[in-house]
Amino acid sequence: MSLSQVVDYLRESIELRINVFPILTLLYSSLFSFLNKKYYSLIALPHGLKAFLPLKYFPWIWLNVLHIYYYRDYEQLREFIPRDNWTIVDIGAFVGLYSIKAARLAFEGRVYAVEPTPFNYRFLLANISLNKLSNVKTINVCISTRSGTEKIYVAKYGANSSLLKEYVEDMDYLEKVVEVKSVKLESLIRQIGVVDLMKIDIEGIEEEIIKNSRNVLKPKYVKKIVVEVHPNYSSVSTVSNILEENGYNVAVFSCLEALEQVFVYAY
């Protein structure tokens, strides 16, 4: 892909944000006026999807909806839009917002949704069932540098939960600590086989995992990777360099609305 094509795609994204944001702000305000006393809300999404969202995660979870469905942080390059028959791995699936979108777009493919925290995992299962998606396999583990068990530091806003205590304390409030099963990314990829697209969002430990997974993060095993890097905890240049050394072309995208997040595309 040429530099001019990359610029065109980024320009399209910025134009989309300007047009859509006022509409979504209105929808967001309307949502709160209809909330009932249940602990979740049901919202409609693009592509004919729906999702249960935990009320305790509002308003922050609305930003996840915006960034996945409207800002399209994981699809700034068109080659990263999920396609039919693809095998897609969602590392850090949270409540399934990206997983259900990928499953709908790759309707004859397969999505592996990996989420370690029990509360988020229940909503992930519920959202898959709600949308009647039979092509999603959920995996209730955390990705680590070792297989066994790990302590997850659970944040008040569950999307900020991490293996790094300092990350949670800096980004959010530490709610509790839970012990979960862990697996190495290399082991997971070898079990799944060839992956067409992998999305990685693991809250500050991405550099460590990329370093530990050099042997399998190669185009012949994983064709495309998009990594959400948190620069205060992982180095964008280190992640990019490792992927380039392994044979990928790399593009980096910074979101103006969330400067603490940088997206590294490897293809």
Protein backbone atom coordinates (compact mmCIF):
# COMPACT_ATOMS: atom_id res chain seq x y z
CA MET A 1 0.00 0.00 0.00
CA SER A 2 1.33 3.43 -0.94
CA LEU A 3 1.67 6.32 1.50
CA SER A 4 -0.97 8.30 -0.42
CA GLN A 5 -3.49 5.47 0.03
CA VAL A 6 -2.82 5.40 3.77
CA VAL A 7 -3.37 9.18 3.96
CA ASP A 8 -6.64 8.87 2.00
CA TYR A 9 -7.96 6.23 4.39
CA LEU A 10 -7.07 8.32 7.42
CA ARG A 11 -8.72 11.38 5.87
CA GLU A 12 -11.91 9.37 5.26
CA SER A 13 -11.91 8.33 8.91
CA ILE A 14 -11.53 11.91 10.14
CA GLU A 15 -14.40 13.08 7.91
CA LEU A 16 -16.57 10.25 9.26
CA ARG A 17 -15.85 11.32 12.84
CA ILE A 18 -16.82 14.93 12.20
CA ASN A 19 -20.15 13.94 10.63
CA VAL A 20 -21.17 11.21 13.04
CA PHE A 21 -20.13 12.53 16.44
CA PRO A 22 -22.99 15.07 16.95
CA ILE A 23 -25.54 12.39 16.08
CA LEU A 24 -24.02 9.92 18.51
CA THR A 25 -23.89 12.53 21.25
CA LEU A 26 -27.65 12.94 20.86
CA LEU A 27 -28.20 9.18 20.92
CA TYR A 28 -26.02 8.93 24.01
CA SER A 29 -28.12 11.53 25.83
CA SER A 30 -31.33 9.79 24.77
CA LEU A 31 -30.04 6.45 26.03
CA PHE A 32 -29.78 7.67 29.60
CA SER A 33 -33.35 8.95 29.61
CA PHE A 34 -34.61 5.41 28.90
CA LEU A 35 -32.45 3.44 31.31
CA ASN A 36 -34.41 1.20 33.62
CA LYS A 37 -33.46 -0.35 36.93
CA LYS A 38 -31.80 -3.43 35.46
CA TYR A 39 -28.03 -3.73 35.66
CA TYR A 40 -27.62 -3.67 31.89
CA SER A 41 -28.85 -1.72 28.88
CA LEU A 42 -29.65 -3.10 25.45
CA ILE A 43 -28.46 -0.98 22.51
CA ALA A 44 -28.68 -1.27 18.74
CA LEU A 45 -25.47 -1.27 16.70
CA PRO A 46 -24.57 -1.09 13.00
CA HIS A 47 -24.68 -4.27 10.87
CA GLY A 48 -27.97 -5.27 12.50
CA LEU A 49 -26.22 -6.09 15.78
CA LYS A 50 -27.33 -5.53 19.36
CA ALA A 51 -25.44 -5.60 22.65
CA PHE A 52 -26.03 -5.81 26.35
CA LEU A 53 -23.88 -3.21 28.11
CA PRO A 54 -23.33 -3.19 31.89
CA LEU A 55 -24.74 -0.03 33.44
CA LYS A 56 -21.85 0.17 35.86
CA TYR A 57 -19.55 0.78 32.86
CA PHE A 58 -21.46 3.85 31.66
CA PRO A 59 -20.54 6.36 30.35
CA TRP A 60 -17.07 5.01 29.50
CA ILE A 61 -18.28 1.99 27.55
CA TRP A 62 -19.97 4.31 25.07
CA LEU A 63 -16.48 5.36 23.97
CA ASN A 64 -15.75 1.73 23.11
CA VAL A 65 -18.84 1.66 20.93
CA LEU A 66 -17.77 4.88 19.19
CA HIS A 67 -14.21 3.74 18.57
CA ILE A 68 -15.11 0.26 17.28
CA TYR A 69 -18.19 1.01 15.17
CA TYR A 70 -17.85 4.66 14.12
CA TYR A 71 -14.23 5.73 14.45
CA ARG A 72 -13.18 2.21 13.37
CA ASP A 73 -9.86 2.24 15.18
CA TYR A 74 -9.09 -1.34 14.13
CA GLU A 75 -10.01 -0.76 10.47
CA GLN A 76 -8.11 2.38 9.47
CA LEU A 77 -6.67 0.34 6.60
CA ARG A 78 -9.27 -1.33 4.42
CA GLU A 79 -7.32 -4.58 4.38
CA PHE A 80 -8.20 -4.93 8.06
CA ILE A 81 -11.97 -4.95 7.60
CA PRO A 82 -13.04 -8.55 8.44
CA ARG A 83 -14.02 -10.60 5.42
CA ASP A 84 -15.96 -13.76 4.83
CA ASN A 85 -14.14 -17.04 5.57
CA TRP A 86 -11.45 -15.33 7.64
CA THR A 87 -10.13 -16.75 10.89
CA ILE A 88 -10.00 -13.85 13.36
CA VAL A 89 -8.58 -13.77 16.88
CA ASP A 90 -9.73 -11.06 19.29
CA ILE A 91 -7.24 -10.82 22.16
CA GLY A 92 -8.88 -8.75 24.88
CA ALA A 93 -12.48 -9.18 23.75
CA PHE A 94 -14.01 -7.30 26.73
CA VAL A 95 -17.83 -7.63 26.37
CA GLY A 96 -17.58 -8.65 22.72
CA LEU A 97 -18.17 -5.42 20.82
CA TYR A 98 -15.42 -6.12 18.28
CA SER A 99 -15.95 -9.89 18.31
CA ILE A 100 -19.61 -9.72 17.29
CA LYS A 101 -18.82 -7.20 14.56
CA ALA A 102 -16.04 -9.41 13.19
CA ALA A 103 -18.30 -12.47 13.35
CA ARG A 104 -21.06 -10.71 11.42
CA LEU A 105 -18.67 -9.51 8.70
CA ALA A 106 -16.82 -12.85 8.47
CA PHE A 107 -20.08 -14.81 8.62
CA GLU A 108 -18.65 -18.02 7.16
CA GLY A 109 -15.36 -17.59 8.97
CA ARG A 110 -14.38 -18.16 12.58
CA VAL A 111 -13.79 -15.73 15.45
CA TYR A 112 -11.88 -16.65 18.60
CA ALA A 113 -12.74 -14.23 21.40
CA VAL A 114 -10.28 -14.23 24.29
CA GLU A 115 -11.34 -12.55 27.55
CA PRO A 116 -10.07 -13.37 31.06
CA THR A 117 -12.21 -11.43 33.55
CA PRO A 118 -15.34 -13.31 34.70
CA PHE A 119 -17.75 -10.34 34.64
CA ASN A 120 -16.77 -9.25 31.13
CA TYR A 121 -16.80 -12.85 29.94
CA ARG A 122 -20.46 -13.28 30.96
CA PHE A 123 -21.43 -10.27 28.86
CA LEU A 124 -19.31 -11.58 25.98
CA LEU A 125 -21.28 -14.85 26.04
CA ALA A 126 -24.58 -12.98 26.33
CA ASN A 127 -23.83 -10.74 23.34
CA ILE A 128 -22.85 -13.68 21.15
CA SER A 129 -26.08 -15.46 22.08
CA LEU A 130 -28.16 -12.30 21.63
CA ASN A 131 -26.97 -11.97 18.02
CA LYS A 132 -27.29 -15.70 17.29
CA LEU A 133 -23.67 -15.94 16.17
CA SER A 134 -22.59 -19.55 15.74
CA ASN A 135 -19.12 -18.75 14.38
CA VAL A 136 -17.59 -17.41 17.60
CA LYS A 137 -15.57 -19.55 20.00
CA THR A 138 -14.93 -17.93 23.39
CA ILE A 139 -11.79 -18.59 25.42
CA ASN A 140 -11.82 -17.57 29.09
CA VAL A 141 -8.08 -17.06 29.63
CA CYS A 142 -5.59 -14.22 29.74
CA ILE A 143 -2.67 -14.00 27.33
CA SER A 144 0.59 -14.01 29.24
CA THR A 145 4.25 -14.87 28.87
CA ARG A 146 3.55 -18.18 30.60
CA SER A 147 0.83 -20.79 30.72
CA GLY A 148 -0.76 -21.50 34.09
CA THR A 149 -2.44 -18.84 36.18
CA GLU A 150 -2.08 -15.07 36.56
CA LYS A 151 -3.50 -12.32 38.73
CA ILE A 152 -5.71 -9.86 36.88
CA TYR A 153 -6.07 -6.43 38.42
CA VAL A 154 -9.72 -5.60 37.79
CA ALA A 155 -10.48 -1.93 37.18
CA LYS A 156 -13.69 -0.14 38.10
CA TYR A 157 -14.24 0.21 34.35
CA GLY A 158 -13.59 -3.36 33.27
CA ALA A 159 -11.98 -2.49 29.94
CA ASN A 160 -8.98 -1.12 31.88
CA SER A 161 -8.31 -4.38 33.72
CA SER A 162 -4.74 -5.56 33.26
CA LEU A 163 -1.91 -7.80 34.41
CA LEU A 164 -0.14 -4.55 35.34
CA LYS A 165 -1.25 -3.14 38.67
CA GLU A 166 0.32 0.25 37.94
CA TYR A 167 -1.61 0.49 34.67
CA VAL A 168 -4.95 0.04 36.45
CA GLU A 169 -4.02 2.48 39.21
CA ASP A 170 -2.91 5.10 36.70
CA MET A 171 -5.80 4.71 34.27
CA ASP A 172 -8.64 3.89 36.65
CA TYR A 173 -9.40 2.59 40.15
CA LEU A 174 -8.44 -0.89 41.31
CA GLU A 175 -11.63 -2.75 42.28
CA LYS A 176 -10.30 -6.23 43.05
CA VAL A 177 -7.78 -8.89 42.08
CA VAL A 178 -8.83 -12.22 40.54
CA GLU A 179 -6.82 -15.28 39.59
CA VAL A 180 -7.42 -16.53 36.06
CA LYS A 181 -6.06 -19.14 33.69
CA SER A 182 -3.25 -17.93 31.45
CA VAL A 183 -1.81 -19.14 28.16
CA LYS A 184 1.05 -18.05 25.95
CA LEU A 185 0.06 -16.44 22.67
CA GLU A 186 2.35 -18.85 20.84
CA SER A 187 0.45 -21.83 22.26
CA LEU A 188 -2.89 -20.35 21.30
CA ILE A 189 -1.85 -19.65 17.70
CA ARG A 190 -0.41 -23.14 17.28
CA GLN A 191 -3.76 -24.59 18.44
CA ILE A 192 -5.84 -22.42 16.12
CA GLY A 193 -3.69 -22.64 13.00
CA VAL A 194 -3.28 -19.92 10.38
CA VAL A 195 -4.92 -16.65 11.43
CA ASP A 196 -6.11 -14.08 8.88
CA LEU A 197 -6.49 -11.21 11.35
CA MET A 198 -5.53 -10.73 14.97
CA LYS A 199 -6.59 -7.79 17.13
CA ILE A 200 -4.61 -7.25 20.34
CA ASP A 201 -5.79 -4.96 23.12
CA ILE A 202 -4.25 -6.07 26.42
CA GLU A 203 -3.92 -2.88 28.44
CA GLY A 204 -0.22 -2.13 28.73
CA ILE A 205 1.47 -5.53 28.33
CA GLU A 206 1.44 -5.59 24.53
CA GLU A 207 5.20 -5.03 24.16
CA GLU A 208 5.98 -7.90 26.54
CA ILE A 209 3.62 -10.24 24.73
CA ILE A 210 4.92 -9.28 21.27
CA LYS A 211 8.49 -9.90 22.42
CA ASN A 212 7.51 -13.27 23.89
CA SER A 213 5.66 -14.33 20.73
CA ARG A 214 8.28 -13.58 18.05
CA ASN A 215 8.30 -17.17 16.82
CA VAL A 216 4.66 -17.13 15.69
CA LEU A 217 3.99 -13.47 14.90
CA LYS A 218 5.02 -13.93 11.29
CA PRO A 219 2.94 -13.53 8.11
CA LYS A 220 2.85 -17.27 7.45
CA TYR A 221 1.11 -17.82 10.80
CA VAL A 222 -0.77 -14.54 11.34
CA LYS A 223 -1.42 -12.62 8.13
CA LYS A 224 -2.52 -9.31 9.66
CA ILE A 225 -2.19 -7.87 13.17
CA VAL A 226 -3.54 -4.68 14.71
CA VAL A 227 -2.13 -3.89 18.14
CA GLU A 228 -3.46 -1.19 20.44
CA VAL A 229 -0.32 0.13 22.14
CA HIS A 230 -0.36 2.19 25.34
CA PRO A 231 2.83 4.28 25.04
CA ASN A 232 3.32 4.92 28.75
CA TYR A 233 3.70 1.17 29.29
CA SER A 234 4.76 -0.28 25.94
CA SER A 235 7.02 1.11 23.24
CA VAL A 236 5.41 1.77 19.86
CA SER A 237 8.80 1.67 18.14
CA THR A 238 9.75 -1.65 19.78
CA VAL A 239 6.46 -3.29 18.80
CA SER A 240 6.76 -1.91 15.26
CA ASN A 241 10.39 -2.96 14.87
CA ILE A 242 9.75 -6.52 16.01
CA LEU A 243 6.90 -6.91 13.55
CA GLU A 244 8.93 -5.37 10.73
CA GLU A 245 11.85 -7.70 11.50
CA ASN A 246 9.41 -10.61 11.27
CA GLY A 247 8.45 -9.67 7.71
CA TYR A 248 5.45 -7.36 8.09
CA ASN A 249 4.81 -3.97 6.57
CA VAL A 250 3.87 -1.64 9.42
CA ALA A 251 1.66 1.46 9.62
CA VAL A 252 1.05 3.46 12.80
CA PHE A 253 -2.13 5.39 13.57
CA SER A 254 -2.65 7.83 16.46
CA CYS A 255 -6.17 8.80 17.47
CA LEU A 256 -6.65 12.49 18.23
CA GLU A 257 -9.45 11.70 20.69
CA ALA A 258 -7.30 9.24 22.70
CA LEU A 259 -3.63 10.16 22.59
CA GLU A 260 -2.79 7.52 25.17
CA GLN A 261 -3.55 4.87 22.53
CA VAL A 262 -1.60 4.16 19.35
CA PHE A 263 -2.56 1.53 16.80
CA VAL A 264 0.12 -0.50 15.04
CA TYR A 265 -1.01 -2.24 11.86
CA ALA A 266 1.13 -5.12 10.55
CA TYR A 267 0.29 -6.68 7.17
